[in-house]
Amino acid sequence: MKNPTTKQKLRAVFKAALFGTALSLGFSFYVQHYFEGTTDFALDLLFMIPTTILSNILGLETPKWGSLVNSFAFMVIANGLLVTFIFVVFAFFWQFVVKGHSKNQTTGIE
């Protein structure tokens, strides 16, 4: 990476990934703490979909009650990976496609 602008843009993408991870972890722990014991279909669906997708990608069997796939830790990891991936894709698209490539251009996140 001889071009300093590319390095700055990759740094901005990395910052977006960190922000997405922190946002996902914060939201997961917030939901675990404040909605524990309640049955909210929308929240259950929000957390079940990434967990199911990740367990299918990893080739894990159908989740059984009390297994690792049904644990809070696996849910946090699955949601964290999904949100981080989404933030990275959008940040990469924004930095390298929308903003384009210019010699005098900064990333806006310094």
N, C-alpha and C. Protein backbone atom coordinates (compact mmCIF):
# COMPACT_ATOMS: atom_id res chain seq x y z
N MET A 1 0.82 -1.17 0.00
CA MET A 1 0.00 0.00 0.00
C MET A 1 0.87 1.25 0.00
N LYS A 2 1.33 1.62 -1.15
CA LYS A 2 2.16 2.80 -1.27
C LYS A 2 1.34 4.07 -1.25
N ASN A 3 0.08 3.98 -1.59
CA ASN A 3 -0.78 5.14 -1.62
C ASN A 3 -1.33 5.41 -0.22
N PRO A 4 -1.01 6.57 0.37
CA PRO A 4 -1.51 6.85 1.73
C PRO A 4 -3.02 6.98 1.80
N THR A 5 -3.66 7.37 0.70
CA THR A 5 -5.12 7.50 0.70
C THR A 5 -5.77 6.13 0.86
N THR A 6 -5.22 5.12 0.22
CA THR A 6 -5.75 3.77 0.35
C THR A 6 -5.60 3.28 1.79
N LYS A 7 -4.47 3.61 2.39
CA LYS A 7 -4.26 3.21 3.78
C LYS A 7 -5.27 3.90 4.70
N GLN A 8 -5.55 5.17 4.43
CA GLN A 8 -6.54 5.89 5.24
C GLN A 8 -7.94 5.29 5.05
N LYS A 9 -8.25 4.92 3.83
CA LYS A 9 -9.57 4.35 3.56
C LYS A 9 -9.71 2.99 4.23
N LEU A 10 -8.67 2.17 4.20
CA LEU A 10 -8.73 0.88 4.88
C LEU A 10 -8.83 1.06 6.39
N ARG A 11 -8.18 2.09 6.90
CA ARG A 11 -8.29 2.38 8.33
C ARG A 11 -9.73 2.78 8.68
N ALA A 12 -10.38 3.54 7.80
CA ALA A 12 -11.77 3.91 8.02
C ALA A 12 -12.68 2.69 7.99
N VAL A 13 -12.41 1.74 7.09
CA VAL A 13 -13.19 0.51 7.03
C VAL A 13 -12.99 -0.30 8.32
N PHE A 14 -11.75 -0.34 8.80
CA PHE A 14 -11.47 -1.05 10.05
C PHE A 14 -12.21 -0.40 11.23
N LYS A 15 -12.24 0.93 11.25
CA LYS A 15 -12.98 1.63 12.32
C LYS A 15 -14.47 1.32 12.25
N ALA A 16 -14.99 1.22 11.05
CA ALA A 16 -16.41 0.86 10.90
C ALA A 16 -16.66 -0.55 11.40
N ALA A 17 -15.72 -1.46 11.15
CA ALA A 17 -15.86 -2.83 11.65
C ALA A 17 -15.86 -2.85 13.18
N LEU A 18 -14.97 -2.09 13.78
CA LEU A 18 -14.94 -2.01 15.25
C LEU A 18 -16.23 -1.40 15.81
N PHE A 19 -16.73 -0.37 15.15
CA PHE A 19 -17.96 0.25 15.59
C PHE A 19 -19.13 -0.72 15.48
N GLY A 20 -19.20 -1.47 14.38
CA GLY A 20 -20.27 -2.45 14.20
C GLY A 20 -20.21 -3.55 15.25
N THR A 21 -19.01 -3.99 15.57
CA THR A 21 -18.84 -5.03 16.59
C THR A 21 -19.28 -4.50 17.96
N ALA A 22 -18.86 -3.29 18.30
CA ALA A 22 -19.24 -2.71 19.59
C ALA A 22 -20.75 -2.49 19.67
N LEU A 23 -21.33 -2.03 18.59
CA LEU A 23 -22.77 -1.82 18.56
C LEU A 23 -23.52 -3.14 18.74
N SER A 24 -23.07 -4.18 18.07
CA SER A 24 -23.72 -5.48 18.18
C SER A 24 -23.58 -6.06 19.59
N LEU A 25 -22.39 -5.97 20.16
CA LEU A 25 -22.19 -6.48 21.52
C LEU A 25 -23.04 -5.71 22.52
N GLY A 26 -23.05 -4.40 22.39
CA GLY A 26 -23.85 -3.59 23.29
C GLY A 26 -25.33 -3.92 23.19
N PHE A 27 -25.82 -4.06 21.98
CA PHE A 27 -27.24 -4.38 21.79
C PHE A 27 -27.56 -5.77 22.33
N SER A 28 -26.68 -6.73 22.09
CA SER A 28 -26.91 -8.10 22.58
C SER A 28 -26.99 -8.15 24.10
N PHE A 29 -26.06 -7.47 24.77
CA PHE A 29 -26.07 -7.48 26.22
C PHE A 29 -27.24 -6.66 26.78
N TYR A 30 -27.62 -5.61 26.07
CA TYR A 30 -28.80 -4.84 26.48
C TYR A 30 -30.05 -5.70 26.44
N VAL A 31 -30.23 -6.42 25.34
CA VAL A 31 -31.41 -7.28 25.20
C VAL A 31 -31.38 -8.39 26.23
N GLN A 32 -30.22 -8.97 26.47
CA GLN A 32 -30.11 -10.05 27.45
C GLN A 32 -30.46 -9.56 28.85
N HIS A 33 -30.04 -8.34 29.17
CA HIS A 33 -30.25 -7.83 30.52
C HIS A 33 -31.68 -7.34 30.74
N TYR A 34 -32.22 -6.59 29.80
CA TYR A 34 -33.51 -5.94 30.02
C TYR A 34 -34.72 -6.76 29.55
N PHE A 35 -34.50 -7.72 28.68
CA PHE A 35 -35.63 -8.51 28.18
C PHE A 35 -35.55 -9.96 28.61
N GLU A 36 -34.77 -10.25 29.61
CA GLU A 36 -34.64 -11.62 30.10
C GLU A 36 -35.95 -12.07 30.71
N GLY A 37 -36.40 -13.22 30.29
CA GLY A 37 -37.64 -13.78 30.82
C GLY A 37 -38.88 -13.37 30.06
N THR A 38 -38.77 -12.46 29.12
CA THR A 38 -39.94 -12.06 28.34
C THR A 38 -39.96 -12.82 27.03
N THR A 39 -41.11 -12.93 26.45
CA THR A 39 -41.23 -13.59 25.16
C THR A 39 -41.68 -12.56 24.13
N ASP A 40 -40.76 -12.08 23.39
CA ASP A 40 -41.03 -11.11 22.34
C ASP A 40 -40.63 -11.77 21.02
N PHE A 41 -41.62 -12.01 20.18
CA PHE A 41 -41.38 -12.75 18.95
C PHE A 41 -40.39 -12.03 18.04
N ALA A 42 -40.48 -10.71 17.96
CA ALA A 42 -39.58 -9.95 17.07
C ALA A 42 -38.13 -10.07 17.54
N LEU A 43 -37.90 -9.96 18.85
CA LEU A 43 -36.53 -10.10 19.37
C LEU A 43 -36.01 -11.52 19.19
N ASP A 44 -36.87 -12.50 19.43
CA ASP A 44 -36.44 -13.88 19.23
C ASP A 44 -36.06 -14.12 17.78
N LEU A 45 -36.84 -13.61 16.87
CA LEU A 45 -36.56 -13.77 15.45
C LEU A 45 -35.28 -13.04 15.07
N LEU A 46 -35.08 -11.85 15.63
CA LEU A 46 -33.89 -11.05 15.34
C LEU A 46 -32.62 -11.80 15.72
N PHE A 47 -32.65 -12.55 16.81
CA PHE A 47 -31.46 -13.26 17.25
C PHE A 47 -31.39 -14.68 16.72
N MET A 48 -32.51 -15.28 16.35
CA MET A 48 -32.49 -16.66 15.86
C MET A 48 -31.96 -16.76 14.43
N ILE A 49 -32.28 -15.79 13.59
CA ILE A 49 -31.91 -15.88 12.19
C ILE A 49 -30.39 -15.94 12.00
N PRO A 50 -29.58 -14.99 12.57
CA PRO A 50 -28.13 -15.11 12.39
C PRO A 50 -27.55 -16.37 13.02
N THR A 51 -28.10 -16.79 14.15
CA THR A 51 -27.60 -18.01 14.80
C THR A 51 -27.85 -19.23 13.92
N THR A 52 -29.02 -19.30 13.32
CA THR A 52 -29.35 -20.42 12.43
C THR A 52 -28.48 -20.40 11.19
N ILE A 53 -28.27 -19.23 10.62
CA ILE A 53 -27.43 -19.12 9.42
C ILE A 53 -26.01 -19.57 9.73
N LEU A 54 -25.43 -19.10 10.83
CA LEU A 54 -24.06 -19.47 11.18
C LEU A 54 -23.95 -20.95 11.50
N SER A 55 -24.93 -21.52 12.19
CA SER A 55 -24.86 -22.95 12.50
C SER A 55 -24.97 -23.79 11.23
N ASN A 56 -25.75 -23.34 10.25
CA ASN A 56 -25.83 -24.07 8.98
C ASN A 56 -24.55 -23.94 8.17
N ILE A 57 -23.93 -22.76 8.19
CA ILE A 57 -22.66 -22.57 7.47
C ILE A 57 -21.57 -23.45 8.08
N LEU A 58 -21.54 -23.53 9.40
CA LEU A 58 -20.52 -24.33 10.08
C LEU A 58 -20.84 -25.83 10.05
N GLY A 59 -22.03 -26.19 9.58
CA GLY A 59 -22.40 -27.59 9.49
C GLY A 59 -22.76 -28.22 10.82
N LEU A 60 -23.20 -27.41 11.75
CA LEU A 60 -23.61 -27.94 13.05
C LEU A 60 -25.00 -28.55 12.93
N GLU A 61 -25.24 -29.55 13.75
CA GLU A 61 -26.54 -30.22 13.69
C GLU A 61 -27.65 -29.32 14.18
N THR A 62 -28.85 -29.78 14.05
CA THR A 62 -30.01 -29.02 14.53
C THR A 62 -29.82 -28.74 16.01
N PRO A 63 -29.97 -27.49 16.40
CA PRO A 63 -29.72 -27.14 17.81
C PRO A 63 -30.64 -27.88 18.77
N LYS A 64 -30.05 -28.42 19.80
CA LYS A 64 -30.81 -29.06 20.87
C LYS A 64 -30.81 -28.14 22.07
N TRP A 65 -31.80 -28.30 22.91
CA TRP A 65 -31.89 -27.46 24.09
C TRP A 65 -30.67 -27.67 24.97
N GLY A 66 -30.01 -26.60 25.35
CA GLY A 66 -28.84 -26.68 26.21
C GLY A 66 -27.54 -26.88 25.45
N SER A 67 -27.57 -26.89 24.14
CA SER A 67 -26.34 -27.07 23.37
C SER A 67 -25.63 -25.73 23.19
N LEU A 68 -24.43 -25.79 22.65
CA LEU A 68 -23.66 -24.57 22.41
C LEU A 68 -24.38 -23.64 21.44
N VAL A 69 -25.04 -24.19 20.44
CA VAL A 69 -25.70 -23.37 19.43
C VAL A 69 -26.86 -22.60 20.04
N ASN A 70 -27.47 -23.11 21.09
CA ASN A 70 -28.57 -22.41 21.75
C ASN A 70 -28.10 -21.51 22.88
N SER A 71 -26.81 -21.34 23.03
CA SER A 71 -26.30 -20.54 24.15
C SER A 71 -26.26 -19.06 23.79
N PHE A 72 -26.19 -18.25 24.82
CA PHE A 72 -26.10 -16.81 24.66
C PHE A 72 -24.79 -16.43 23.98
N ALA A 73 -23.70 -17.13 24.32
CA ALA A 73 -22.40 -16.82 23.73
C ALA A 73 -22.40 -17.03 22.21
N PHE A 74 -23.01 -18.11 21.75
CA PHE A 74 -23.07 -18.36 20.31
C PHE A 74 -23.93 -17.31 19.62
N MET A 75 -24.99 -16.88 20.29
CA MET A 75 -25.84 -15.84 19.72
C MET A 75 -25.09 -14.53 19.60
N VAL A 76 -24.29 -14.18 20.59
CA VAL A 76 -23.52 -12.95 20.54
C VAL A 76 -22.48 -13.02 19.43
N ILE A 77 -21.82 -14.16 19.29
CA ILE A 77 -20.82 -14.33 18.24
C ILE A 77 -21.47 -14.25 16.86
N ALA A 78 -22.58 -14.93 16.68
CA ALA A 78 -23.25 -14.94 15.37
C ALA A 78 -23.74 -13.55 14.99
N ASN A 79 -24.36 -12.85 15.92
CA ASN A 79 -24.84 -11.50 15.63
C ASN A 79 -23.68 -10.53 15.44
N GLY A 80 -22.63 -10.70 16.22
CA GLY A 80 -21.45 -9.84 16.06
C GLY A 80 -20.81 -10.01 14.70
N LEU A 81 -20.68 -11.25 14.24
CA LEU A 81 -20.11 -11.48 12.91
C LEU A 81 -20.98 -10.91 11.81
N LEU A 82 -22.29 -11.08 11.93
CA LEU A 82 -23.20 -10.57 10.91
C LEU A 82 -23.18 -9.04 10.85
N VAL A 83 -23.28 -8.39 11.99
CA VAL A 83 -23.29 -6.92 12.01
C VAL A 83 -21.95 -6.35 11.56
N THR A 84 -20.86 -6.97 11.98
CA THR A 84 -19.54 -6.53 11.56
C THR A 84 -19.37 -6.67 10.05
N PHE A 85 -19.83 -7.78 9.50
CA PHE A 85 -19.75 -7.99 8.06
C PHE A 85 -20.55 -6.92 7.31
N ILE A 86 -21.74 -6.62 7.79
CA ILE A 86 -22.58 -5.61 7.15
C ILE A 86 -21.89 -4.24 7.21
N PHE A 87 -21.33 -3.87 8.36
CA PHE A 87 -20.65 -2.58 8.47
C PHE A 87 -19.43 -2.53 7.56
N VAL A 88 -18.68 -3.61 7.46
CA VAL A 88 -17.50 -3.62 6.59
C VAL A 88 -17.89 -3.48 5.13
N VAL A 89 -18.92 -4.18 4.71
CA VAL A 89 -19.35 -4.10 3.31
C VAL A 89 -19.79 -2.68 2.97
N PHE A 90 -20.61 -2.08 3.82
CA PHE A 90 -21.06 -0.72 3.55
C PHE A 90 -19.91 0.28 3.60
N ALA A 91 -19.01 0.15 4.57
CA ALA A 91 -17.88 1.08 4.67
C ALA A 91 -16.94 0.93 3.48
N PHE A 92 -16.68 -0.31 3.07
CA PHE A 92 -15.81 -0.54 1.92
C PHE A 92 -16.44 0.05 0.66
N PHE A 93 -17.73 -0.18 0.49
CA PHE A 93 -18.44 0.38 -0.66
C PHE A 93 -18.39 1.91 -0.63
N TRP A 94 -18.60 2.49 0.54
CA TRP A 94 -18.59 3.94 0.65
C TRP A 94 -17.21 4.51 0.35
N GLN A 95 -16.17 3.89 0.92
CA GLN A 95 -14.82 4.43 0.77
C GLN A 95 -14.26 4.26 -0.64
N PHE A 96 -14.51 3.12 -1.26
CA PHE A 96 -13.84 2.81 -2.52
C PHE A 96 -14.71 2.96 -3.76
N VAL A 97 -16.03 3.00 -3.61
CA VAL A 97 -16.89 3.13 -4.78
C VAL A 97 -17.55 4.50 -4.82
N VAL A 98 -18.24 4.87 -3.76
CA VAL A 98 -18.98 6.12 -3.75
C VAL A 98 -18.03 7.32 -3.76
N LYS A 99 -17.05 7.30 -2.86
CA LYS A 99 -16.12 8.42 -2.78
C LYS A 99 -15.08 8.38 -3.89
N GLY A 100 -14.86 7.23 -4.47
CA GLY A 100 -13.91 7.11 -5.56
C GLY A 100 -12.47 7.19 -5.09
N HIS A 101 -11.60 7.48 -6.04
CA HIS A 101 -10.18 7.51 -5.74
C HIS A 101 -9.61 8.83 -6.25
N SER A 102 -9.09 9.62 -5.36
CA SER A 102 -8.51 10.90 -5.71
C SER A 102 -7.23 11.09 -4.92
N LYS A 103 -6.29 11.80 -5.49
CA LYS A 103 -5.01 12.00 -4.83
C LYS A 103 -5.13 12.89 -3.59
N ASN A 104 -5.99 13.89 -3.65
CA ASN A 104 -6.11 14.84 -2.55
C ASN A 104 -7.30 14.55 -1.63
N GLN A 105 -7.87 13.39 -1.74
CA GLN A 105 -9.08 13.07 -1.00
C GLN A 105 -8.76 12.46 0.35
N THR A 106 -9.46 12.89 1.38
CA THR A 106 -9.32 12.28 2.69
C THR A 106 -10.52 11.41 2.98
N THR A 107 -10.44 10.59 4.01
CA THR A 107 -11.51 9.65 4.31
C THR A 107 -12.64 10.27 5.09
N GLY A 108 -12.40 11.37 5.78
CA GLY A 108 -13.43 11.98 6.59
C GLY A 108 -13.48 11.40 8.00
N ILE A 109 -12.74 10.33 8.25
CA ILE A 109 -12.67 9.72 9.59
C ILE A 109 -11.20 9.70 9.99
N GLU A 110 -10.74 10.77 10.56
CA GLU A 110 -9.34 10.82 10.98
C GLU A 110 -9.22 10.85 12.47
